[in-house]
PDB file of N, CA and C in Angstrom:
ATOM      1  N   MET A   1     -44.761 -19.458   2.827  1.00  0.00           N
ATOM      2  CA  MET A   1     -43.613 -18.591   3.033  1.00  0.00           C
ATOM      3  C   MET A   1     -42.711 -19.228   4.082  1.00  0.00           C
ATOM      4  N   SER A   2     -41.421 -19.300   3.764  1.00  0.00           N
ATOM      5  CA  SER A   2     -40.444 -19.850   4.697  1.00  0.00           C
ATOM      6  C   SER A   2     -40.212 -18.888   5.851  1.00  0.00           C
ATOM      7  N   ALA A   3     -40.256 -19.407   7.063  1.00  0.00           N
ATOM      8  CA  ALA A   3     -40.075 -18.569   8.253  1.00  0.00           C
ATOM      9  C   ALA A   3     -38.622 -18.535   8.712  1.00  0.00           C
ATOM     10  N   GLU A   4     -37.695 -18.998   7.878  1.00  0.00           N
ATOM     11  CA  GLU A   4     -36.287 -18.984   8.266  1.00  0.00           C
ATOM     12  C   GLU A   4     -35.736 -17.562   8.195  1.00  0.00           C
ATOM     13  N   PRO A   5     -35.243 -17.018   9.304  1.00  0.00           N
ATOM     14  CA  PRO A   5     -34.631 -15.684   9.262  1.00  0.00           C
ATOM     15  C   PRO A   5     -33.489 -15.656   8.247  1.00  0.00           C
ATOM     16  N   THR A   6     -33.451 -14.602   7.455  1.00  0.00           N
ATOM     17  CA  THR A   6     -32.465 -14.466   6.386  1.00  0.00           C
ATOM     18  C   THR A   6     -31.961 -13.033   6.366  1.00  0.00           C
ATOM     19  N   ALA A   7     -30.674 -12.878   6.158  1.00  0.00           N
ATOM     20  CA  ALA A   7     -30.046 -11.556   6.197  1.00  0.00           C
ATOM     21  C   ALA A   7     -29.893 -10.957   4.804  1.00  0.00           C
ATOM     22  N   VAL A   8     -30.009  -9.646   4.755  1.00  0.00           N
ATOM     23  CA  VAL A   8     -29.596  -8.856   3.596  1.00  0.00           C
ATOM     24  C   VAL A   8     -28.309  -8.176   4.033  1.00  0.00           C
ATOM     25  N   TYR A   9     -27.239  -8.443   3.302  1.00  0.00           N
ATOM     26  CA  TYR A   9     -25.955  -7.859   3.686  1.00  0.00           C
ATOM     27  C   TYR A   9     -25.461  -6.916   2.593  1.00  0.00           C
ATOM     28  N   ARG A  10     -24.679  -5.935   3.021  1.00  0.00           N
ATOM     29  CA  ARG A  10     -24.113  -4.959   2.105  1.00  0.00           C
ATOM     30  C   ARG A  10     -22.614  -4.852   2.372  1.00  0.00           C
ATOM     31  N   PHE A  11     -21.861  -4.702   1.294  1.00  0.00           N
ATOM     32  CA  PHE A  11     -20.422  -4.481   1.376  1.00  0.00           C
ATOM     33  C   PHE A  11     -20.125  -3.075   0.849  1.00  0.00           C
ATOM     34  N   TYR A  12     -19.299  -2.345   1.596  1.00  0.00           N
ATOM     35  CA  TYR A  12     -18.912  -0.976   1.232  1.00  0.00           C
ATOM     36  C   TYR A  12     -17.393  -0.876   1.152  1.00  0.00           C
ATOM     37  N   ASN A  13     -16.910   0.065   0.349  1.00  0.00           N
ATOM     38  CA  ASN A  13     -15.472   0.314   0.314  1.00  0.00           C
ATOM     39  C   ASN A  13     -15.105   1.393   1.328  1.00  0.00           C
ATOM     40  N   VAL A  14     -13.849   1.770   1.374  1.00  0.00           N
ATOM     41  CA  VAL A  14     -13.364   2.729   2.354  1.00  0.00           C
ATOM     42  C   VAL A  14     -13.999   4.110   2.170  1.00  0.00           C
ATOM     43  N   SER A  15     -14.475   4.406   0.962  1.00  0.00           N
ATOM     44  CA  SER A  15     -15.148   5.688   0.683  1.00  0.00           C
ATOM     45  C   SER A  15     -16.649   5.630   0.920  1.00  0.00           C
ATOM     46  N   ALA A  16     -17.126   4.521   1.477  1.00  0.00           N
ATOM     47  CA  ALA A  16     -18.549   4.287   1.761  1.00  0.00           C
ATOM     48  C   ALA A  16     -19.376   4.100   0.500  1.00  0.00           C
ATOM     49  N   ASP A  17     -18.748   3.748  -0.617  1.00  0.00           N
ATOM     50  CA  ASP A  17     -19.482   3.402  -1.828  1.00  0.00           C
ATOM     51  C   ASP A  17     -20.009   1.980  -1.674  1.00  0.00           C
ATOM     52  N   LEU A  18     -21.268   1.785  -2.030  1.00  0.00           N
ATOM     53  CA  LEU A  18     -21.863   0.452  -1.943  1.00  0.00           C
ATOM     54  C   LEU A  18     -21.323  -0.421  -3.070  1.00  0.00           C
ATOM     55  N   LEU A  19     -20.737  -1.541  -2.700  1.00  0.00           N
ATOM     56  CA  LEU A  19     -20.148  -2.452  -3.674  1.00  0.00           C
ATOM     57  C   LEU A  19     -21.079  -3.585  -4.054  1.00  0.00           C
ATOM     58  N   TYR A  20     -21.784  -4.160  -3.057  1.00  0.00           N
ATOM     59  CA  TYR A  20     -22.540  -5.384  -3.316  1.00  0.00           C
ATOM     60  C   TYR A  20     -23.621  -5.558  -2.271  1.00  0.00           C
ATOM     61  N   VAL A  21     -24.756  -6.094  -2.693  1.00  0.00           N
ATOM     62  CA  VAL A  21     -25.859  -6.458  -1.804  1.00  0.00           C
ATOM     63  C   VAL A  21     -26.162  -7.927  -2.037  1.00  0.00           C
ATOM     64  N   GLY A  22     -26.316  -8.687  -0.960  1.00  0.00           N
ATOM     65  CA  GLY A  22     -26.621 -10.101  -1.083  1.00  0.00           C
ATOM     66  C   GLY A  22     -27.544 -10.577   0.019  1.00  0.00           C
ATOM     67  N   VAL A  23     -27.910 -11.857  -0.055  1.00  0.00           N
ATOM     68  CA  VAL A  23     -28.838 -12.494   0.876  1.00  0.00           C
ATOM     69  C   VAL A  23     -28.234 -13.812   1.345  1.00  0.00           C
ATOM     70  N   SER A  24     -28.357 -14.091   2.649  1.00  0.00           N
ATOM     71  CA  SER A  24     -27.881 -15.360   3.180  1.00  0.00           C
ATOM     72  C   SER A  24     -28.496 -15.620   4.548  1.00  0.00           C
ATOM     73  N   ASN A  25     -28.686 -16.892   4.865  1.00  0.00           N
ATOM     74  CA  ASN A  25     -29.106 -17.243   6.220  1.00  0.00           C
ATOM     75  C   ASN A  25     -27.885 -17.408   7.131  1.00  0.00           C
ATOM     76  N   ASP A  26     -26.692 -17.298   6.543  1.00  0.00           N
ATOM     77  CA  ASP A  26     -25.430 -17.367   7.281  1.00  0.00           C
ATOM     78  C   ASP A  26     -24.490 -16.297   6.712  1.00  0.00           C
ATOM     79  N   PRO A  27     -24.716 -15.023   7.063  1.00  0.00           N
ATOM     80  CA  PRO A  27     -23.924 -13.963   6.437  1.00  0.00           C
ATOM     81  C   PRO A  27     -22.423 -14.061   6.718  1.00  0.00           C
ATOM     82  N   GLU A  28     -22.038 -14.564   7.882  1.00  0.00           N
ATOM     83  CA  GLU A  28     -20.606 -14.719   8.161  1.00  0.00           C
ATOM     84  C   GLU A  28     -19.992 -15.793   7.267  1.00  0.00           C
ATOM     85  N   GLY A  29     -20.702 -16.895   7.093  1.00  0.00           N
ATOM     86  CA  GLY A  29     -20.240 -17.946   6.189  1.00  0.00           C
ATOM     87  C   GLY A  29     -20.199 -17.459   4.750  1.00  0.00           C
ATOM     88  N   ARG A  30     -21.180 -16.655   4.375  1.00  0.00           N
ATOM     89  CA  ARG A  30     -21.210 -16.111   3.011  1.00  0.00           C
ATOM     90  C   ARG A  30     -20.047 -15.153   2.797  1.00  0.00           C
ATOM     91  N   TRP A  31     -19.729 -14.339   3.805  1.00  0.00           N
ATOM     92  CA  TRP A  31     -18.578 -13.444   3.733  1.00  0.00           C
ATOM     93  C   TRP A  31     -17.305 -14.253   3.465  1.00  0.00           C
ATOM     94  N   LYS A  32     -17.128 -15.342   4.190  1.00  0.00           N
ATOM     95  CA  LYS A  32     -15.948 -16.186   3.995  1.00  0.00           C
ATOM     96  C   LYS A  32     -15.935 -16.796   2.597  1.00  0.00           C
ATOM     97  N   ALA A  33     -17.100 -17.196   2.111  1.00  0.00           N
ATOM     98  CA  ALA A  33     -17.180 -17.746   0.748  1.00  0.00           C
ATOM     99  C   ALA A  33     -16.816 -16.684  -0.284  1.00  0.00           C
ATOM    100  N   HIS A  34     -17.277 -15.442  -0.069  1.00  0.00           N
ATOM    101  CA  HIS A  34     -16.911 -14.354  -0.985  1.00  0.00           C
ATOM    102  C   HIS A  34     -15.398 -14.139  -0.967  1.00  0.00           C
ATOM    103  N   GLN A  35     -14.785 -14.269   0.203  1.00  0.00           N
ATOM    104  CA  GLN A  35     -13.342 -14.046   0.328  1.00  0.00           C
ATOM    105  C   GLN A  35     -12.503 -15.190  -0.226  1.00  0.00           C
ATOM    106  N   TRP A  36     -12.921 -16.429   0.069  1.00  0.00           N
ATOM    107  CA  TRP A  36     -12.037 -17.562  -0.174  1.00  0.00           C
ATOM    108  C   TRP A  36     -12.625 -18.653  -1.061  1.00  0.00           C
ATOM    109  N   GLY A  37     -13.898 -18.577  -1.385  1.00  0.00           N
ATOM    110  CA  GLY A  37     -14.546 -19.638  -2.140  1.00  0.00           C
ATOM    111  C   GLY A  37     -14.133 -19.679  -3.604  1.00  0.00           C
ATOM    112  N   PRO A  38     -14.564 -20.713  -4.298  1.00  0.00           N
ATOM    113  CA  PRO A  38     -14.195 -20.880  -5.711  1.00  0.00           C
ATOM    114  C   PRO A  38     -14.764 -19.775  -6.612  1.00  0.00           C
ATOM    115  N   ASP A  39     -15.823 -19.111  -6.169  1.00  0.00           N
ATOM    116  CA  ASP A  39     -16.417 -18.041  -6.962  1.00  0.00           C
ATOM    117  C   ASP A  39     -15.960 -16.661  -6.481  1.00  0.00           C
ATOM    118  N   ARG A  40     -14.806 -16.607  -5.831  1.00  0.00           N
ATOM    119  CA  ARG A  40     -14.274 -15.358  -5.281  1.00  0.00           C
ATOM    120  C   ARG A  40     -14.205 -14.301  -6.380  1.00  0.00           C
ATOM    121  N   MET A  41     -14.700 -13.120  -6.061  1.00  0.00           N
ATOM    122  CA  MET A  41     -14.691 -12.026  -7.019  1.00  0.00           C
ATOM    123  C   MET A  41     -13.488 -11.122  -6.762  1.00  0.00           C
ATOM    124  N   PRO A  42     -12.877 -10.585  -7.813  1.00  0.00           N
ATOM    125  CA  PRO A  42     -11.677  -9.763  -7.622  1.00  0.00           C
ATOM    126  C   PRO A  42     -11.928  -8.494  -6.803  1.00  0.00           C
ATOM    127  N   TRP A  43     -13.159  -8.010  -6.788  1.00  0.00           N
ATOM    128  CA  TRP A  43     -13.470  -6.772  -6.066  1.00  0.00           C
ATOM    129  C   TRP A  43     -13.559  -6.967  -4.555  1.00  0.00           C
ATOM    130  N   ILE A  44     -13.551  -8.189  -4.073  1.00  0.00           N
ATOM    131  CA  ILE A  44     -13.755  -8.444  -2.642  1.00  0.00           C
ATOM    132  C   ILE A  44     -12.687  -7.749  -1.793  1.00  0.00           C
ATOM    133  N   SER A  45     -11.497  -7.543  -2.352  1.00  0.00           N
ATOM    134  CA  SER A  45     -10.438  -6.874  -1.597  1.00  0.00           C
ATOM    135  C   SER A  45     -10.749  -5.398  -1.354  1.00  0.00           C
ATOM    136  N   GLU A  46     -11.742  -4.845  -2.045  1.00  0.00           N
ATOM    137  CA  GLU A  46     -12.146  -3.451  -1.849  1.00  0.00           C
ATOM    138  C   GLU A  46     -13.033  -3.260  -0.620  1.00  0.00           C
ATOM    139  N   VAL A  47     -13.579  -4.347  -0.071  1.00  0.00           N
ATOM    140  CA  VAL A  47     -14.536  -4.248   1.029  1.00  0.00           C
ATOM    141  C   VAL A  47     -13.843  -3.776   2.306  1.00  0.00           C
ATOM    142  N   ALA A  48     -14.371  -2.675   2.863  1.00  0.00           N
ATOM    143  CA  ALA A  48     -13.843  -2.122   4.105  1.00  0.00           C
ATOM    144  C   ALA A  48     -14.855  -2.207   5.243  1.00  0.00           C
ATOM    145  N   ARG A  49     -16.143  -2.334   4.883  1.00  0.00           N
ATOM    146  CA  ARG A  49     -17.195  -2.371   5.908  1.00  0.00           C
ATOM    147  C   ARG A  49     -18.338  -3.236   5.408  1.00  0.00           C
ATOM    148  N   ARG A  50     -18.967  -3.931   6.351  1.00  0.00           N
ATOM    149  CA  ARG A  50     -20.122  -4.783   6.033  1.00  0.00           C
ATOM    150  C   ARG A  50     -21.266  -4.425   6.965  1.00  0.00           C
ATOM    151  N   THR A  51     -22.494  -4.513   6.443  1.00  0.00           N
ATOM    152  CA  THR A  51     -23.675  -4.369   7.288  1.00  0.00           C
ATOM    153  C   THR A  51     -24.574  -5.576   7.057  1.00  0.00           C
ATOM    154  N   VAL A  52     -25.384  -5.882   8.066  1.00  0.00           N
ATOM    155  CA  VAL A  52     -26.312  -7.016   7.995  1.00  0.00           C
ATOM    156  C   VAL A  52     -27.645  -6.579   8.581  1.00  0.00           C
ATOM    157  N   GLU A  53     -28.719  -6.820   7.853  1.00  0.00           N
ATOM    158  CA  GLU A  53     -30.082  -6.578   8.337  1.00  0.00           C
ATOM    159  C   GLU A  53     -30.848  -7.880   8.187  1.00  0.00           C
ATOM    160  N   TRP A  54     -31.540  -8.273   9.248  1.00  0.00           N
ATOM    161  CA  TRP A  54     -32.263  -9.544   9.234  1.00  0.00           C
ATOM    162  C   TRP A  54     -33.729  -9.346   8.853  1.00  0.00           C
ATOM    163  N   ALA A  55     -34.234 -10.252   8.026  1.00  0.00           N
ATOM    164  CA  ALA A  55     -35.657 -10.335   7.691  1.00  0.00           C
ATOM    165  C   ALA A  55     -36.193 -11.624   8.308  1.00  0.00           C
ATOM    166  N   THR A  56     -37.484 -11.693   8.513  1.00  0.00           N
ATOM    167  CA  THR A  56     -38.074 -12.863   9.163  1.00  0.00           C
ATOM    168  C   THR A  56     -38.229 -14.059   8.239  1.00  0.00           C
ATOM    169  N   SER A  57     -38.058 -13.866   6.933  1.00  0.00           N
ATOM    170  CA  SER A  57     -38.153 -14.980   5.984  1.00  0.00           C
ATOM    171  C   SER A  57     -37.230 -14.728   4.796  1.00  0.00           C
ATOM    172  N   ARG A  58     -36.904 -15.783   4.090  1.00  0.00           N
ATOM    173  CA  ARG A  58     -36.074 -15.663   2.887  1.00  0.00           C
ATOM    174  C   ARG A  58     -36.786 -14.828   1.828  1.00  0.00           C
ATOM    175  N   GLU A  59     -38.085 -15.038   1.684  1.00  0.00           N
ATOM    176  CA  GLU A  59     -38.843 -14.296   0.681  1.00  0.00           C
ATOM    177  C   GLU A  59     -38.778 -12.795   0.935  1.00  0.00           C
ATOM    178  N   LEU A  60     -38.931 -12.388   2.203  1.00  0.00           N
ATOM    179  CA  LEU A  60     -38.837 -10.966   2.536  1.00  0.00           C
ATOM    180  C   LEU A  60     -37.428 -10.435   2.289  1.00  0.00           C
ATOM    181  N   ALA A  61     -36.430 -11.231   2.605  1.00  0.00           N
ATOM    182  CA  ALA A  61     -35.047 -10.817   2.364  1.00  0.00           C
ATOM    183  C   ALA A  61     -34.778 -10.664   0.872  1.00  0.00           C
ATOM    184  N   LEU A  62     -35.277 -11.589   0.063  1.00  0.00           N
ATOM    185  CA  LEU A  62     -35.079 -11.490  -1.383  1.00  0.00           C
ATOM    186  C   LEU A  62     -35.755 -10.248  -1.953  1.00  0.00           C
ATOM    187  N   ASP A  63     -36.947  -9.940  -1.461  1.00  0.00           N
ATOM    188  CA  ASP A  63     -37.634  -8.714  -1.888  1.00  0.00           C
ATOM    189  C   ASP A  63     -36.829  -7.478  -1.496  1.00  0.00           C
ATOM    190  N   ALA A  64     -36.305  -7.467  -0.270  1.00  0.00           N
ATOM    191  CA  ALA A  64     -35.517  -6.335   0.201  1.00  0.00           C
ATOM    192  C   ALA A  64     -34.221  -6.203  -0.601  1.00  0.00           C
ATOM    193  N   GLU A  65     -33.607  -7.328  -0.928  1.00  0.00           N
ATOM    194  CA  GLU A  65     -32.385  -7.309  -1.738  1.00  0.00           C
ATOM    195  C   GLU A  65     -32.669  -6.691  -3.103  1.00  0.00           C
ATOM    196  N   GLU A  66     -33.730  -7.133  -3.754  1.00  0.00           N
ATOM    197  CA  GLU A  66     -34.073  -6.605  -5.079  1.00  0.00           C
ATOM    198  C   GLU A  66     -34.314  -5.096  -5.022  1.00  0.00           C
ATOM    199  N   ARG A  67     -35.084  -4.647  -4.032  1.00  0.00           N
ATOM    200  CA  ARG A  67     -35.345  -3.208  -3.882  1.00  0.00           C
ATOM    201  C   ARG A  67     -34.046  -2.440  -3.649  1.00  0.00           C
ATOM    202  N   ALA A  68     -33.181  -2.977  -2.789  1.00  0.00           N
ATOM    203  CA  ALA A  68     -31.917  -2.313  -2.486  1.00  0.00           C
ATOM    204  C   ALA A  68     -31.047  -2.192  -3.735  1.00  0.00           C
ATOM    205  N   ILE A  69     -30.965  -3.255  -4.502  1.00  0.00           N
ATOM    206  CA  ILE A  69     -30.138  -3.218  -5.713  1.00  0.00           C
ATOM    207  C   ILE A  69     -30.692  -2.208  -6.712  1.00  0.00           C
ATOM    208  N   LYS A  70     -31.993  -2.210  -6.897  1.00  0.00           N
ATOM    209  CA  LYS A  70     -32.604  -1.298  -7.871  1.00  0.00           C
ATOM    210  C   LYS A  70     -32.494   0.165  -7.450  1.00  0.00           C
ATOM    211  N   THR A  71     -32.540   0.447  -6.147  1.00  0.00           N
ATOM    212  CA  THR A  71     -32.527   1.838  -5.703  1.00  0.00           C
ATOM    213  C   THR A  71     -31.139   2.336  -5.296  1.00  0.00           C
ATOM    214  N   GLU A  72     -30.314   1.445  -4.743  1.00  0.00           N
ATOM    215  CA  GLU A  72     -29.011   1.860  -4.233  1.00  0.00           C
ATOM    216  C   GLU A  72     -27.879   1.657  -5.242  1.00  0.00           C
ATOM    217  N   ARG A  73     -28.119   0.861  -6.269  1.00  0.00           N
ATOM    218  CA  ARG A  73     -27.184   0.633  -7.376  1.00  0.00           C
ATOM    219  C   ARG A  73     -25.769   0.248  -6.936  1.00  0.00           C
ATOM    220  N   PRO A  74     -25.627  -0.898  -6.261  1.00  0.00           N
ATOM    221  CA  PRO A  74     -24.290  -1.341  -5.878  1.00  0.00           C
ATOM    222  C   PRO A  74     -23.420  -1.588  -7.116  1.00  0.00           C
ATOM    223  N   ARG A  75     -22.177  -1.289  -7.001  1.00  0.00           N
ATOM    224  CA  ARG A  75     -21.249  -1.327  -8.129  1.00  0.00           C
ATOM    225  C   ARG A  75     -21.120  -2.709  -8.771  1.00  0.00           C
ATOM    226  N   TYR A  76     -21.145  -3.773  -7.977  1.00  0.00           N
ATOM    227  CA  TYR A  76     -20.814  -5.091  -8.514  1.00  0.00           C
ATOM    228  C   TYR A  76     -21.972  -6.084  -8.597  1.00  0.00           C
ATOM    229  N   ASN A  77     -23.185  -5.677  -8.320  1.00  0.00           N
ATOM    230  CA  ASN A  77     -24.315  -6.580  -8.534  1.00  0.00           C
ATOM    231  C   ASN A  77     -24.701  -6.534 -10.007  1.00  0.00           C
ATOM    232  N   GLY A  78     -25.044  -7.678 -10.558  1.00  0.00           N
ATOM    233  CA  GLY A  78     -25.540  -7.731 -11.926  1.00  0.00           C
ATOM    234  C   GLY A  78     -27.058  -7.833 -11.930  1.00  0.00           C
ATOM    235  N   LYS A  79     -27.569  -8.847 -11.273  1.00  0.00           N
ATOM    236  CA  LYS A  79     -29.001  -9.094 -11.217  1.00  0.00           C
ATOM    237  C   LYS A  79     -29.734  -7.907 -10.579  1.00  0.00           C
ATOM    238  N   HIS A  80     -30.776  -7.445 -11.214  1.00  0.00           N
ATOM    239  CA  HIS A  80     -31.641  -6.328 -10.781  1.00  0.00           C
ATOM    240  C   HIS A  80     -30.972  -4.957 -10.954  1.00  0.00           C
ATOM    241  N   ASN A  81     -29.716  -4.903 -11.348  1.00  0.00           N
ATOM    242  CA  ASN A  81     -28.991  -3.640 -11.371  1.00  0.00           C
ATOM    243  C   ASN A  81     -28.931  -3.073 -12.790  1.00  0.00           C
ATOM    244  N   TYR A  82     -30.092  -2.795 -13.327  1.00  0.00           N
ATOM    245  CA  TYR A  82     -30.196  -2.243 -14.665  1.00  0.00           C
ATOM    246  C   TYR A  82     -31.500  -1.470 -14.774  1.00  0.00           C
ATOM    247  N   ASP A  83     -31.594  -0.650 -15.763  1.00  0.00           N
ATOM    248  CA  ASP A  83     -32.827   0.108 -15.978  1.00  0.00           C
ATOM    249  C   ASP A  83     -33.842  -0.765 -16.679  1.00  0.00           C
ATOM    250  N   ASP A  84     -35.056  -0.774 -16.157  1.00  0.00           N
ATOM    251  CA  ASP A  84     -36.143  -1.563 -16.788  1.00  0.00           C
ATOM    252  C   ASP A  84     -36.708  -0.838 -17.978  1.00  0.00           C
TER     253      ASP A  84
END
């Protein structure tokens, strides 16, 4: 198991609706990539608030991300965001 601290981040709109959940070891850099990178998503302009929670490893963060997507149902996540 990788011991690199990794963040689970969430993006919310002005109405506090959850838009997206992601994982990164550099959440600020990932935020900038979401805003300005080549894979910029059109919904990024809806983001009004961001939260970051740190896990002690990437594996734990990925598990937390999957659980969050399945239970919290963010509007713009595809992976894990469906009924099994």
